[in-house]
Amino acid sequence: MKDMKAHLELLRVQIAECERLQKAAKSQIKRDVFTRLLVRYRAIATELEQAIAKMPPAPVAFPGRKTPEPLPKEEQE
């Protein structure tokens, strides 16, 4: 799932960059291209978010095991 979250973060960066480029575009053709890219990137990001939400939680390595308490520090002279 770590790879899915990393890819989702990459998509979010790409979405932000497309939004920036769309606003800065001087021609209507460029604005339209970035608008279409935004629609696709957002759809993919939504699908990825839904898939991540459906993933089962990571298994616990040692179920029921208590976390050990730290060892006492020895007094220094």
C-alpha atoms as a PDB file:
ATOM      1  CA  MET A   1       0.000   0.000   0.000  1.00  0.00           C
ATOM      2  CA  LYS A   2       3.002   2.265   0.507  1.00  0.00           C
ATOM      3  CA  ASP A   3       3.559   2.352  -3.258  1.00  0.00           C
ATOM      4  CA  MET A   4      -0.085   3.281  -3.844  1.00  0.00           C
ATOM      5  CA  LYS A   5       0.163   6.178  -1.393  1.00  0.00           C
ATOM      6  CA  ALA A   6       3.389   7.347  -3.036  1.00  0.00           C
ATOM      7  CA  HIS A   7       1.720   7.289  -6.447  1.00  0.00           C
ATOM      8  CA  LEU A   8      -1.270   9.184  -5.069  1.00  0.00           C
ATOM      9  CA  GLU A   9       1.072  11.871  -3.752  1.00  0.00           C
ATOM     10  CA  LEU A  10       2.721  12.078  -7.180  1.00  0.00           C
ATOM     11  CA  LEU A  11      -0.699  12.500  -8.796  1.00  0.00           C
ATOM     12  CA  ARG A  12      -1.534  15.316  -6.388  1.00  0.00           C
ATOM     13  CA  VAL A  13       1.690  17.093  -7.358  1.00  0.00           C
ATOM     14  CA  GLN A  14       0.846  16.638 -11.042  1.00  0.00           C
ATOM     15  CA  ILE A  15      -2.667  17.986 -10.459  1.00  0.00           C
ATOM     16  CA  ALA A  16      -1.267  21.081  -8.754  1.00  0.00           C
ATOM     17  CA  GLU A  17       1.200  21.609 -11.600  1.00  0.00           C
ATOM     18  CA  CYS A  18      -1.548  21.250 -14.226  1.00  0.00           C
ATOM     19  CA  GLU A  19      -3.691  23.774 -12.352  1.00  0.00           C
ATOM     20  CA  ARG A  20      -0.776  26.206 -12.305  1.00  0.00           C
ATOM     21  CA  LEU A  21      -0.055  25.705 -16.003  1.00  0.00           C
ATOM     22  CA  GLN A  22      -3.733  25.996 -16.890  1.00  0.00           C
ATOM     23  CA  LYS A  23      -3.978  29.369 -15.165  1.00  0.00           C
ATOM     24  CA  ALA A  24      -0.757  30.606 -16.753  1.00  0.00           C
ATOM     25  CA  ALA A  25      -1.600  29.420 -20.283  1.00  0.00           C
ATOM     26  CA  LYS A  26      -2.035  32.242 -22.738  1.00  0.00           C
ATOM     27  CA  SER A  27      -3.803  30.273 -25.461  1.00  0.00           C
ATOM     28  CA  GLN A  28      -7.189  28.612 -25.225  1.00  0.00           C
ATOM     29  CA  ILE A  29      -5.746  25.431 -26.747  1.00  0.00           C
ATOM     30  CA  LYS A  30      -3.270  25.059 -23.873  1.00  0.00           C
ATOM     31  CA  ARG A  31      -5.936  25.816 -21.290  1.00  0.00           C
ATOM     32  CA  ASP A  32      -8.167  23.152 -22.825  1.00  0.00           C
ATOM     33  CA  VAL A  33      -5.382  20.572 -22.817  1.00  0.00           C
ATOM     34  CA  PHE A  34      -4.597  21.180 -19.156  1.00  0.00           C
ATOM     35  CA  THR A  35      -8.313  21.096 -18.317  1.00  0.00           C
ATOM     36  CA  ARG A  36      -8.605  17.644 -19.911  1.00  0.00           C
ATOM     37  CA  LEU A  37      -5.472  16.462 -18.099  1.00  0.00           C
ATOM     38  CA  LEU A  38      -6.883  17.719 -14.812  1.00  0.00           C
ATOM     39  CA  VAL A  39     -10.100  15.784 -15.328  1.00  0.00           C
ATOM     40  CA  ARG A  40      -8.155  12.581 -16.002  1.00  0.00           C
ATOM     41  CA  TYR A  41      -5.635  13.028 -13.176  1.00  0.00           C
ATOM     42  CA  ARG A  42      -8.416  13.789 -10.687  1.00  0.00           C
ATOM     43  CA  ALA A  43     -10.377  10.716 -11.804  1.00  0.00           C
ATOM     44  CA  ILE A  44      -7.299   8.518 -11.381  1.00  0.00           C
ATOM     45  CA  ALA A  45      -6.565  10.052  -7.977  1.00  0.00           C
ATOM     46  CA  THR A  46     -10.149   9.407  -6.873  1.00  0.00           C
ATOM     47  CA  GLU A  47      -9.943   5.764  -7.992  1.00  0.00           C
ATOM     48  CA  LEU A  48      -6.646   5.343  -6.179  1.00  0.00           C
ATOM     49  CA  GLU A  49      -8.031   6.906  -2.988  1.00  0.00           C
ATOM     50  CA  GLN A  50     -11.003   4.535  -3.116  1.00  0.00           C
ATOM     51  CA  ALA A  51      -8.739   1.529  -3.661  1.00  0.00           C
ATOM     52  CA  ILE A  52      -6.550   2.549  -0.715  1.00  0.00           C
ATOM     53  CA  ALA A  53      -9.640   2.934   1.478  1.00  0.00           C
ATOM     54  CA  LYS A  54     -10.761  -0.608   0.578  1.00  0.00           C
ATOM     55  CA  MET A  55      -7.377  -2.173   1.383  1.00  0.00           C
ATOM     56  CA  PRO A  56      -7.342  -4.287   4.525  1.00  0.00           C
ATOM     57  CA  PRO A  57      -5.196  -2.943   7.341  1.00  0.00           C
ATOM     58  CA  ALA A  58      -1.657  -4.241   7.553  1.00  0.00           C
ATOM     59  CA  PRO A  59      -1.414  -7.372   9.688  1.00  0.00           C
ATOM     60  CA  VAL A  60       0.018  -7.024  13.156  1.00  0.00           C
ATOM     61  CA  ALA A  61       3.327  -8.870  13.461  1.00  0.00           C
ATOM     62  CA  PHE A  62       2.638 -10.214  16.951  1.00  0.00           C
ATOM     63  CA  PRO A  63      -1.049  -9.872  17.844  1.00  0.00           C
ATOM     64  CA  GLY A  64      -1.737  -9.565  21.533  1.00  0.00           C
ATOM     65  CA  ARG A  65       1.894  -8.894  22.385  1.00  0.00           C
ATOM     66  CA  LYS A  66       2.497  -6.015  24.742  1.00  0.00           C
ATOM     67  CA  THR A  67       5.155  -3.477  23.992  1.00  0.00           C
ATOM     68  CA  PRO A  68       8.054  -4.120  26.356  1.00  0.00           C
ATOM     69  CA  GLU A  69       8.866  -1.445  28.872  1.00  0.00           C
ATOM     70  CA  PRO A  70      12.226   0.256  28.442  1.00  0.00           C
ATOM     71  CA  LEU A  71      15.045  -1.068  30.572  1.00  0.00           C
ATOM     72  CA  PRO A  72      15.948   1.111  33.557  1.00  0.00           C
ATOM     73  CA  LYS A  73      18.935   3.355  33.004  1.00  0.00           C
ATOM     74  CA  GLU A  74      21.929   2.579  35.131  1.00  0.00           C
ATOM     75  CA  GLU A  75      23.023   5.344  37.414  1.00  0.00           C
ATOM     76  CA  GLN A  76      26.264   6.921  36.375  1.00  0.00           C
ATOM     77  CA  GLU A  77      28.883   7.737  38.991  1.00  0.00           C
END
